[in-house]
Amino acid sequence: MDRKLRILFVTSEIEPFLKISSASDLIRQLPQKLQERGHDIRIFMPKFGVINERRNRLHEVVRLSGINIKVAGEEKPLTIKVASIPNARLQVYFLDNEDYFKRKSALTNPTDNTFHPDNDERAIFFCKGVIETVRKLGWAPDVIHCHDWMTSFLPFYLRTHYQNDPMFKNTKIVFTLYNNEFENETIGNFMDKMRIDGINDETLERFEENSYVGLCKGGIAMSDYITKGHASIQSSLEDHLQQSKHDGVFIDVANKDTYADEYNQLYATLLN
């Protein structure tokens, strides 16, 4: 395609800063391949406490300071840090907050491998923080590509709380699912916390329940297109995709010669 796009990647992991699953490899390679095609790329992720700031040369972006994010009715200060991916002309923006991301772990307690009980609030903070940071940058994305369950709140907030914001009027949202389910874990009572933001019960029904599947269903409902990062994902999500307007197309990232072209074409199709 000839048109150069502004593409925002939103993720909970990316090599070389953090690898939780194989998703980090796709999210590392795809932005670079698309940047090489001339697109303007931004990448956002949480600044989990396991990410070594000194080793990875993170530094605070002072001009983006002063943002507060409301979560469950409480204001939380947002700090933005940035670092470059080695051997690439790509920068990653890290969203930080001491209450949510200072602990030396990502999503689970290292002592017993259970989910942090506030992962729902951390995800809400992160997703709303991405939106507010983009607004402060004054950088209107053509495409926001959300990766995995932690980004599910982002399409939801964009299509509800921020639906009248001209910054995102023409933005298309792609949501990629992975087989990173947490079947035996809940993710807090996030729907109650979203009600505090003024989102009504009829809209919240898109999530269906406070679970991994429910969380992803909400993201699916508010996105323009769904792709799968793995050929096989959680069975009830497969069933949900078949019953919804989305096909859940699998783009095989193992085929390194074609997958970036497939995503490139997908973005072009959505924007035409």
C-alpha atoms as a PDB file:
ATOM      1  CA  MET A   1       0.000   0.000   0.000  1.00  0.00           C
ATOM      2  CA  ASP A   2       1.203   3.522  -0.726  1.00  0.00           C
ATOM      3  CA  ARG A   3      -0.338   5.260   2.249  1.00  0.00           C
ATOM      4  CA  LYS A   4       1.903   5.569   5.282  1.00  0.00           C
ATOM      5  CA  LEU A   5       0.023   4.797   8.460  1.00  0.00           C
ATOM      6  CA  ARG A   6       0.313   5.689  12.111  1.00  0.00           C
ATOM      7  CA  ILE A   7       0.164   2.338  13.881  1.00  0.00           C
ATOM      8  CA  LEU A   8       0.033   1.962  17.659  1.00  0.00           C
ATOM      9  CA  PHE A   9       0.960  -1.416  19.133  1.00  0.00           C
ATOM     10  CA  VAL A  10      -0.292  -2.091  22.663  1.00  0.00           C
ATOM     11  CA  THR A  11       1.040  -5.119  24.528  1.00  0.00           C
ATOM     12  CA  SER A  12       1.941  -6.541  27.923  1.00  0.00           C
ATOM     13  CA  GLU A  13       5.219  -8.018  26.653  1.00  0.00           C
ATOM     14  CA  ILE A  14       7.867  -7.512  23.997  1.00  0.00           C
ATOM     15  CA  GLU A  15      11.361  -8.802  23.465  1.00  0.00           C
ATOM     16  CA  PRO A  16      13.964  -7.914  24.695  1.00  0.00           C
ATOM     17  CA  PHE A  17      12.345  -6.154  27.668  1.00  0.00           C
ATOM     18  CA  LEU A  18       9.946  -8.853  28.846  1.00  0.00           C
ATOM     19  CA  LYS A  19       8.996 -12.312  27.630  1.00  0.00           C
ATOM     20  CA  ILE A  20       5.936 -13.887  29.257  1.00  0.00           C
ATOM     21  CA  SER A  21       4.916 -16.022  26.284  1.00  0.00           C
ATOM     22  CA  SER A  22       5.688 -16.570  22.609  1.00  0.00           C
ATOM     23  CA  ALA A  23       3.566 -13.511  21.861  1.00  0.00           C
ATOM     24  CA  SER A  24       6.579 -11.341  22.727  1.00  0.00           C
ATOM     25  CA  ASP A  25       8.388 -12.549  19.596  1.00  0.00           C
ATOM     26  CA  LEU A  26       5.617 -11.537  17.185  1.00  0.00           C
ATOM     27  CA  ILE A  27       5.209  -8.199  18.908  1.00  0.00           C
ATOM     28  CA  ARG A  28       8.949  -7.613  18.588  1.00  0.00           C
ATOM     29  CA  GLN A  29       9.198  -8.406  14.862  1.00  0.00           C
ATOM     30  CA  LEU A  30       5.975  -7.041  13.382  1.00  0.00           C
ATOM     31  CA  PRO A  31       6.446  -3.337  14.282  1.00  0.00           C
ATOM     32  CA  GLN A  32       9.949  -3.339  12.808  1.00  0.00           C
ATOM     33  CA  LYS A  33       8.832  -4.965   9.558  1.00  0.00           C
ATOM     34  CA  LEU A  34       6.025  -2.441   9.210  1.00  0.00           C
ATOM     35  CA  GLN A  35       8.333   0.449  10.038  1.00  0.00           C
ATOM     36  CA  GLU A  36      10.635  -0.747   7.250  1.00  0.00           C
ATOM     37  CA  ARG A  37       7.647  -0.322   4.933  1.00  0.00           C
ATOM     38  CA  GLY A  38       7.514   3.343   5.899  1.00  0.00           C
ATOM     39  CA  HIS A  39       4.815   3.351   8.570  1.00  0.00           C
ATOM     40  CA  ASP A  40       5.014   5.522  11.704  1.00  0.00           C
ATOM     41  CA  ILE A  41       5.103   3.145  14.693  1.00  0.00           C
ATOM     42  CA  ARG A  42       4.569   3.564  18.440  1.00  0.00           C
ATOM     43  CA  ILE A  43       4.670   0.749  21.009  1.00  0.00           C
ATOM     44  CA  PHE A  44       3.184   0.920  24.522  1.00  0.00           C
ATOM     45  CA  MET A  45       3.476  -1.581  27.382  1.00  0.00           C
ATOM     46  CA  PRO A  46       3.348  -1.588  31.217  1.00  0.00           C
ATOM     47  CA  LYS A  47       6.599  -0.928  33.092  1.00  0.00           C
ATOM     48  CA  PHE A  48       6.466  -4.095  35.172  1.00  0.00           C
ATOM     49  CA  GLY A  49       8.910  -4.144  38.080  1.00  0.00           C
ATOM     50  CA  VAL A  50      10.824  -7.071  36.593  1.00  0.00           C
ATOM     51  CA  ILE A  51      12.050  -4.816  33.776  1.00  0.00           C
ATOM     52  CA  ASN A  52      15.500  -3.546  34.678  1.00  0.00           C
ATOM     53  CA  GLU A  53      15.521   0.189  33.980  1.00  0.00           C
ATOM     54  CA  ARG A  54      19.291   0.626  34.084  1.00  0.00           C
ATOM     55  CA  ARG A  55      20.126  -2.359  31.886  1.00  0.00           C
ATOM     56  CA  ASN A  56      17.473  -1.417  29.344  1.00  0.00           C
ATOM     57  CA  ARG A  57      18.256   2.307  29.519  1.00  0.00           C
ATOM     58  CA  LEU A  58      14.783   3.525  30.343  1.00  0.00           C
ATOM     59  CA  HIS A  59      14.364   7.201  31.028  1.00  0.00           C
ATOM     60  CA  GLU A  60      11.368   9.293  31.992  1.00  0.00           C
ATOM     61  CA  VAL A  61       9.620  11.438  29.395  1.00  0.00           C
ATOM     62  CA  VAL A  62       9.161  14.560  31.486  1.00  0.00           C
ATOM     63  CA  ARG A  63       6.995  16.370  28.917  1.00  0.00           C
ATOM     64  CA  LEU A  64       4.371  13.633  29.313  1.00  0.00           C
ATOM     65  CA  SER A  65       4.238  13.890  33.090  1.00  0.00           C
ATOM     66  CA  GLY A  66       1.274  15.223  35.030  1.00  0.00           C
ATOM     67  CA  ILE A  67      -1.348  12.745  33.836  1.00  0.00           C
ATOM     68  CA  ASN A  68      -3.621  11.128  36.429  1.00  0.00           C
ATOM     69  CA  ILE A  69      -5.668   8.037  35.610  1.00  0.00           C
ATOM     70  CA  LYS A  70      -8.898   7.314  37.458  1.00  0.00           C
ATOM     71  CA  VAL A  71      -9.332   3.660  38.435  1.00  0.00           C
ATOM     72  CA  ALA A  72     -12.311   2.595  40.553  1.00  0.00           C
ATOM     73  CA  GLY A  73     -12.894   6.225  41.444  1.00  0.00           C
ATOM     74  CA  GLU A  74      -9.336   6.870  42.660  1.00  0.00           C
ATOM     75  CA  GLU A  75      -6.786   9.060  40.879  1.00  0.00           C
ATOM     76  CA  LYS A  76      -3.471   7.333  40.154  1.00  0.00           C
ATOM     77  CA  PRO A  77      -0.428   9.226  38.818  1.00  0.00           C
ATOM     78  CA  LEU A  78       0.981   8.018  35.501  1.00  0.00           C
ATOM     79  CA  THR A  79       4.680   8.129  34.693  1.00  0.00           C
ATOM     80  CA  ILE A  80       5.899   7.576  31.128  1.00  0.00           C
ATOM     81  CA  LYS A  81       9.313   6.112  30.407  1.00  0.00           C
ATOM     82  CA  VAL A  82      10.895   5.251  27.086  1.00  0.00           C
ATOM     83  CA  ALA A  83      13.640   3.015  25.731  1.00  0.00           C
ATOM     84  CA  SER A  84      14.885   1.958  22.328  1.00  0.00           C
ATOM     85  CA  ILE A  85      14.874  -1.597  21.032  1.00  0.00           C
ATOM     86  CA  PRO A  86      18.516  -2.541  20.336  1.00  0.00           C
ATOM     87  CA  ASN A  87      19.435  -2.728  16.658  1.00  0.00           C
ATOM     88  CA  ALA A  88      16.147  -1.177  15.597  1.00  0.00           C
ATOM     89  CA  ARG A  89      14.836   2.351  15.156  1.00  0.00           C
ATOM     90  CA  LEU A  90      11.914   1.620  17.445  1.00  0.00           C
ATOM     91  CA  GLN A  91      11.016   3.152  20.782  1.00  0.00           C
ATOM     92  CA  VAL A  92       8.855   1.556  23.440  1.00  0.00           C
ATOM     93  CA  TYR A  93       6.819   3.708  25.829  1.00  0.00           C
ATOM     94  CA  PHE A  94       6.490   2.194  29.314  1.00  0.00           C
ATOM     95  CA  LEU A  95       3.530   3.172  31.501  1.00  0.00           C
ATOM     96  CA  ASP A  96       4.375   3.161  35.184  1.00  0.00           C
ATOM     97  CA  ASN A  97       2.714   3.630  38.553  1.00  0.00           C
ATOM     98  CA  GLU A  98       4.185   2.677  41.925  1.00  0.00           C
ATOM     99  CA  ASP A  99       1.018   1.070  43.280  1.00  0.00           C
ATOM    100  CA  TYR A 100       0.549  -1.180  40.266  1.00  0.00           C
ATOM    101  CA  PHE A 101       3.957  -1.862  38.749  1.00  0.00           C
ATOM    102  CA  LYS A 102       6.669  -1.444  41.373  1.00  0.00           C
ATOM    103  CA  ARG A 103       6.474  -5.093  42.563  1.00  0.00           C
ATOM    104  CA  LYS A 104       9.161  -7.359  41.138  1.00  0.00           C
ATOM    105  CA  SER A 105       6.842  -9.520  39.098  1.00  0.00           C
ATOM    106  CA  ALA A 106       4.625  -9.218  36.055  1.00  0.00           C
ATOM    107  CA  LEU A 107       1.203 -10.854  36.294  1.00  0.00           C
ATOM    108  CA  THR A 108       1.642 -13.516  38.975  1.00  0.00           C
ATOM    109  CA  ASN A 109       2.980 -13.834  42.507  1.00  0.00           C
ATOM    110  CA  PRO A 110       6.354 -15.609  42.172  1.00  0.00           C
ATOM    111  CA  THR A 111       5.898 -17.488  45.461  1.00  0.00           C
ATOM    112  CA  ASP A 112       2.747 -19.396  44.477  1.00  0.00           C
ATOM    113  CA  ASN A 113       2.195 -18.436  40.809  1.00  0.00           C
ATOM    114  CA  THR A 114      -1.283 -17.020  41.532  1.00  0.00           C
ATOM    115  CA  PHE A 115      -2.629 -13.974  39.740  1.00  0.00           C
ATOM    116  CA  HIS A 116      -2.145 -10.618  41.431  1.00  0.00           C
ATOM    117  CA  PRO A 117      -5.591  -9.747  42.816  1.00  0.00           C
ATOM    118  CA  ASP A 118      -5.416  -6.241  41.325  1.00  0.00           C
ATOM    119  CA  ASN A 119      -4.605  -7.334  37.761  1.00  0.00           C
ATOM    120  CA  ASP A 120      -7.966  -5.954  36.690  1.00  0.00           C
ATOM    121  CA  GLU A 121      -7.104  -2.498  38.017  1.00  0.00           C
ATOM    122  CA  ARG A 122      -3.617  -2.709  36.519  1.00  0.00           C
ATOM    123  CA  ALA A 123      -5.124  -3.496  33.112  1.00  0.00           C
ATOM    124  CA  ILE A 124      -7.677  -0.684  33.367  1.00  0.00           C
ATOM    125  CA  PHE A 125      -4.937   1.763  34.419  1.00  0.00           C
ATOM    126  CA  PHE A 126      -2.711   0.650  31.566  1.00  0.00           C
ATOM    127  CA  CYS A 127      -5.384   0.858  28.855  1.00  0.00           C
ATOM    128  CA  LYS A 128      -6.727   4.224  29.965  1.00  0.00           C
ATOM    129  CA  GLY A 129      -3.145   5.415  30.365  1.00  0.00           C
ATOM    130  CA  VAL A 130      -2.365   4.499  26.760  1.00  0.00           C
ATOM    131  CA  ILE A 131      -5.326   6.531  25.541  1.00  0.00           C
ATOM    132  CA  GLU A 132      -4.450   9.561  27.671  1.00  0.00           C
ATOM    133  CA  THR A 133      -0.798   9.440  26.646  1.00  0.00           C
ATOM    134  CA  VAL A 134      -1.684   9.329  22.943  1.00  0.00           C
ATOM    135  CA  ARG A 135      -3.966  12.307  23.479  1.00  0.00           C
ATOM    136  CA  LYS A 136      -1.169  14.234  25.171  1.00  0.00           C
ATOM    137  CA  LEU A 137       1.227  13.335  22.354  1.00  0.00           C
ATOM    138  CA  GLY A 138      -1.294  14.691  19.852  1.00  0.00           C
ATOM    139  CA  TRP A 139      -0.605  11.640  17.696  1.00  0.00           C
ATOM    140  CA  ALA A 140      -3.829  10.312  16.144  1.00  0.00           C
ATOM    141  CA  PRO A 141      -3.313   6.649  15.194  1.00  0.00           C
ATOM    142  CA  ASP A 142      -4.833   5.179  12.050  1.00  0.00           C
ATOM    143  CA  VAL A 143      -4.644   1.710  13.588  1.00  0.00           C
ATOM    144  CA  ILE A 144      -4.392   0.517  17.173  1.00  0.00           C
ATOM    145  CA  HIS A 145      -3.259  -3.096  17.316  1.00  0.00           C
ATOM    146  CA  CYS A 146      -4.012  -4.613  20.727  1.00  0.00           C
ATOM    147  CA  HIS A 147      -2.251  -7.809  21.766  1.00  0.00           C
ATOM    148  CA  ASP A 148      -3.610 -10.316  24.286  1.00  0.00           C
ATOM    149  CA  TRP A 149      -6.083 -10.075  27.149  1.00  0.00           C
ATOM    150  CA  MET A 150      -4.492  -7.238  29.135  1.00  0.00           C
ATOM    151  CA  THR A 151      -5.319  -4.824  26.307  1.00  0.00           C
ATOM    152  CA  SER A 152      -9.008  -5.842  26.138  1.00  0.00           C
ATOM    153  CA  PHE A 153     -10.157  -2.740  27.999  1.00  0.00           C
ATOM    154  CA  LEU A 154      -8.619  -0.415  25.419  1.00  0.00           C
ATOM    155  CA  PRO A 155     -11.090  -0.982  22.547  1.00  0.00           C
ATOM    156  CA  PHE A 156     -13.886  -0.982  25.095  1.00  0.00           C
ATOM    157  CA  TYR A 157     -12.989   2.415  26.547  1.00  0.00           C
ATOM    158  CA  LEU A 158     -12.347   3.890  23.100  1.00  0.00           C
ATOM    159  CA  ARG A 159     -15.819   2.876  21.931  1.00  0.00           C
ATOM    160  CA  THR A 160     -17.576   4.083  25.085  1.00  0.00           C
ATOM    161  CA  HIS A 161     -15.853   6.571  27.403  1.00  0.00           C
ATOM    162  CA  TYR A 162     -13.845   8.195  24.557  1.00  0.00           C
ATOM    163  CA  GLN A 163     -16.279   7.653  21.691  1.00  0.00           C
ATOM    164  CA  ASN A 164     -16.676  11.384  21.001  1.00  0.00           C
ATOM    165  CA  ASP A 165     -12.960  12.196  21.108  1.00  0.00           C
ATOM    166  CA  PRO A 166     -11.965  13.493  17.639  1.00  0.00           C
ATOM    167  CA  MET A 167      -8.454  12.086  18.132  1.00  0.00           C
ATOM    168  CA  PHE A 168      -9.808   8.562  17.563  1.00  0.00           C
ATOM    169  CA  LYS A 169     -12.687   9.327  15.197  1.00  0.00           C
ATOM    170  CA  ASN A 170     -11.163   7.391  12.292  1.00  0.00           C
ATOM    171  CA  THR A 171      -9.037   4.909  14.246  1.00  0.00           C
ATOM    172  CA  LYS A 172      -9.464   1.213  13.481  1.00  0.00           C
ATOM    173  CA  ILE A 173      -8.807  -1.381  16.190  1.00  0.00           C
ATOM    174  CA  VAL A 174      -7.270  -4.813  15.625  1.00  0.00           C
ATOM    175  CA  PHE A 175      -7.287  -7.247  18.548  1.00  0.00           C
ATOM    176  CA  THR A 176      -5.032 -10.325  18.504  1.00  0.00           C
ATOM    177  CA  LEU A 177      -5.865 -13.300  20.719  1.00  0.00           C
ATOM    178  CA  TYR A 178      -3.305 -15.788  22.018  1.00  0.00           C
ATOM    179  CA  ASN A 179      -3.591 -19.071  23.902  1.00  0.00           C
ATOM    180  CA  ASN A 180      -2.543 -17.363  27.131  1.00  0.00           C
ATOM    181  CA  GLU A 181      -5.718 -18.136  29.068  1.00  0.00           C
ATOM    182  CA  PHE A 182      -5.838 -18.316  32.870  1.00  0.00           C
ATOM    183  CA  GLU A 183      -8.644 -20.829  33.318  1.00  0.00           C
ATOM    184  CA  ASN A 184      -8.494 -21.112  37.109  1.00  0.00           C
ATOM    185  CA  GLU A 185      -8.133 -17.427  37.833  1.00  0.00           C
ATOM    186  CA  THR A 186     -10.545 -14.524  37.979  1.00  0.00           C
ATOM    187  CA  ILE A 187      -9.502 -11.001  37.171  1.00  0.00           C
ATOM    188  CA  GLY A 188     -11.218  -9.120  39.965  1.00  0.00           C
ATOM    189  CA  ASN A 189     -14.657  -7.575  39.750  1.00  0.00           C
ATOM    190  CA  PHE A 190     -13.666  -5.317  36.870  1.00  0.00           C
ATOM    191  CA  MET A 191     -17.218  -4.677  35.690  1.00  0.00           C
ATOM    192  CA  ASP A 192     -18.086  -2.926  38.954  1.00  0.00           C
ATOM    193  CA  LYS A 193     -15.013  -0.741  38.527  1.00  0.00           C
ATOM    194  CA  MET A 194     -16.043   0.165  34.975  1.00  0.00           C
ATOM    195  CA  ARG A 195     -19.520   1.139  36.193  1.00  0.00           C
ATOM    196  CA  ILE A 196     -17.799   3.827  38.266  1.00  0.00           C
ATOM    197  CA  ASP A 197     -16.581   5.285  34.930  1.00  0.00           C
ATOM    198  CA  GLY A 198     -20.205   5.631  33.874  1.00  0.00           C
ATOM    199  CA  ILE A 199     -20.379   2.615  31.557  1.00  0.00           C
ATOM    200  CA  ASN A 200     -23.889   1.183  31.772  1.00  0.00           C
ATOM    201  CA  ASP A 201     -24.911  -2.405  32.405  1.00  0.00           C
ATOM    202  CA  GLU A 202     -26.229  -2.964  28.884  1.00  0.00           C
ATOM    203  CA  THR A 203     -22.834  -2.105  27.428  1.00  0.00           C
ATOM    204  CA  LEU A 204     -20.980  -4.122  30.076  1.00  0.00           C
ATOM    205  CA  GLU A 205     -22.921  -7.215  29.039  1.00  0.00           C
ATOM    206  CA  ARG A 206     -20.394  -7.537  26.206  1.00  0.00           C
ATOM    207  CA  PHE A 207     -17.948  -8.908  28.788  1.00  0.00           C
ATOM    208  CA  GLU A 208     -20.468 -11.418  30.188  1.00  0.00           C
ATOM    209  CA  GLU A 209     -18.365 -12.326  33.226  1.00  0.00           C
ATOM    210  CA  ASN A 210     -15.256 -11.424  35.272  1.00  0.00           C
ATOM    211  CA  SER A 211     -12.991 -14.041  33.671  1.00  0.00           C
ATOM    212  CA  TYR A 212     -10.412 -14.498  30.932  1.00  0.00           C
ATOM    213  CA  VAL A 213     -13.063 -15.438  28.377  1.00  0.00           C
ATOM    214  CA  GLY A 214     -15.382 -12.654  29.488  1.00  0.00           C
ATOM    215  CA  LEU A 215     -12.574 -10.118  29.313  1.00  0.00           C
ATOM    216  CA  CYS A 216     -11.603 -11.143  25.778  1.00  0.00           C
ATOM    217  CA  LYS A 217     -15.244 -11.108  24.641  1.00  0.00           C
ATOM    218  CA  GLY A 218     -15.474  -7.453  25.621  1.00  0.00           C
ATOM    219  CA  GLY A 219     -12.364  -6.651  23.606  1.00  0.00           C
ATOM    220  CA  ILE A 220     -13.668  -8.620  20.637  1.00  0.00           C
ATOM    221  CA  ALA A 221     -17.036  -6.858  20.700  1.00  0.00           C
ATOM    222  CA  MET A 222     -15.491  -3.400  20.422  1.00  0.00           C
ATOM    223  CA  SER A 223     -12.726  -4.127  17.888  1.00  0.00           C
ATOM    224  CA  ASP A 224     -12.922  -3.834  14.116  1.00  0.00           C
ATOM    225  CA  TYR A 225     -11.011  -7.002  13.326  1.00  0.00           C
ATOM    226  CA  ILE A 226      -9.768 -10.051  15.233  1.00  0.00           C
ATOM    227  CA  THR A 227      -6.660 -12.073  14.477  1.00  0.00           C
ATOM    228  CA  LYS A 228      -5.187 -15.064  16.255  1.00  0.00           C
ATOM    229  CA  GLY A 229      -1.528 -15.185  17.220  1.00  0.00           C
ATOM    230  CA  HIS A 230      -1.816 -18.952  17.690  1.00  0.00           C
ATOM    231  CA  ALA A 231      -3.641 -21.404  15.463  1.00  0.00           C
ATOM    232  CA  SER A 232      -5.561 -22.744  18.464  1.00  0.00           C
ATOM    233  CA  ILE A 233      -7.032 -20.549  21.182  1.00  0.00           C
ATOM    234  CA  GLN A 234      -9.399 -21.184  24.099  1.00  0.00           C
ATOM    235  CA  SER A 235     -12.297 -23.279  22.759  1.00  0.00           C
ATOM    236  CA  SER A 236     -15.112 -21.083  24.062  1.00  0.00           C
ATOM    237  CA  LEU A 237     -13.490 -18.071  22.387  1.00  0.00           C
ATOM    238  CA  GLU A 238     -13.290 -20.042  19.129  1.00  0.00           C
ATOM    239  CA  ASP A 239     -17.010 -20.732  19.474  1.00  0.00           C
ATOM    240  CA  HIS A 240     -17.700 -17.088  20.268  1.00  0.00           C
ATOM    241  CA  LEU A 241     -15.812 -15.931  17.171  1.00  0.00           C
ATOM    242  CA  GLN A 242     -17.812 -18.274  14.973  1.00  0.00           C
ATOM    243  CA  GLN A 243     -21.063 -16.868  16.379  1.00  0.00           C
ATOM    244  CA  SER A 244     -20.005 -13.223  16.082  1.00  0.00           C
ATOM    245  CA  LYS A 245     -19.237 -10.969  13.142  1.00  0.00           C
ATOM    246  CA  HIS A 246     -15.542 -11.815  13.449  1.00  0.00           C
ATOM    247  CA  ASP A 247     -13.760 -14.670  11.698  1.00  0.00           C
ATOM    248  CA  GLY A 248     -10.728 -14.712  13.980  1.00  0.00           C
ATOM    249  CA  VAL A 249      -8.199 -15.051  11.159  1.00  0.00           C
ATOM    250  CA  PHE A 250      -4.966 -16.855  12.013  1.00  0.00           C
ATOM    251  CA  ILE A 251      -1.893 -15.141  10.588  1.00  0.00           C
ATOM    252  CA  ASP A 252       1.029 -17.540  10.807  1.00  0.00           C
ATOM    253  CA  VAL A 253       3.991 -15.592  12.142  1.00  0.00           C
ATOM    254  CA  ALA A 254       6.214 -18.609  11.544  1.00  0.00           C
ATOM    255  CA  ASN A 255       6.025 -17.693   7.865  1.00  0.00           C
ATOM    256  CA  LYS A 256       8.399 -14.777   8.189  1.00  0.00           C
ATOM    257  CA  ASP A 257       8.205 -13.955   4.476  1.00  0.00           C
ATOM    258  CA  THR A 258       4.473 -13.232   4.428  1.00  0.00           C
ATOM    259  CA  TYR A 259       2.983 -12.386   7.824  1.00  0.00           C
ATOM    260  CA  ALA A 260       3.999  -8.705   7.796  1.00  0.00           C
ATOM    261  CA  ASP A 261       2.530  -8.368   4.302  1.00  0.00           C
ATOM    262  CA  GLU A 262      -0.702  -9.959   5.521  1.00  0.00           C
ATOM    263  CA  TYR A 263      -1.009  -7.497   8.397  1.00  0.00           C
ATOM    264  CA  ASN A 264      -0.058  -4.649   6.089  1.00  0.00           C
ATOM    265  CA  GLN A 265      -2.886  -5.626   3.747  1.00  0.00           C
ATOM    266  CA  LEU A 266      -5.294  -6.058   6.662  1.00  0.00           C
ATOM    267  CA  TYR A 267      -4.684  -2.508   7.881  1.00  0.00           C
ATOM    268  CA  ALA A 268      -5.151  -1.159   4.358  1.00  0.00           C
ATOM    269  CA  THR A 269      -8.451  -3.026   3.944  1.00  0.00           C
ATOM    270  CA  LEU A 270      -9.809  -1.705   7.238  1.00  0.00           C
ATOM    271  CA  LEU A 271      -9.005   1.886   6.318  1.00  0.00           C
ATOM    272  CA  ASN A 272     -10.464   1.784   2.804  1.00  0.00           C
END
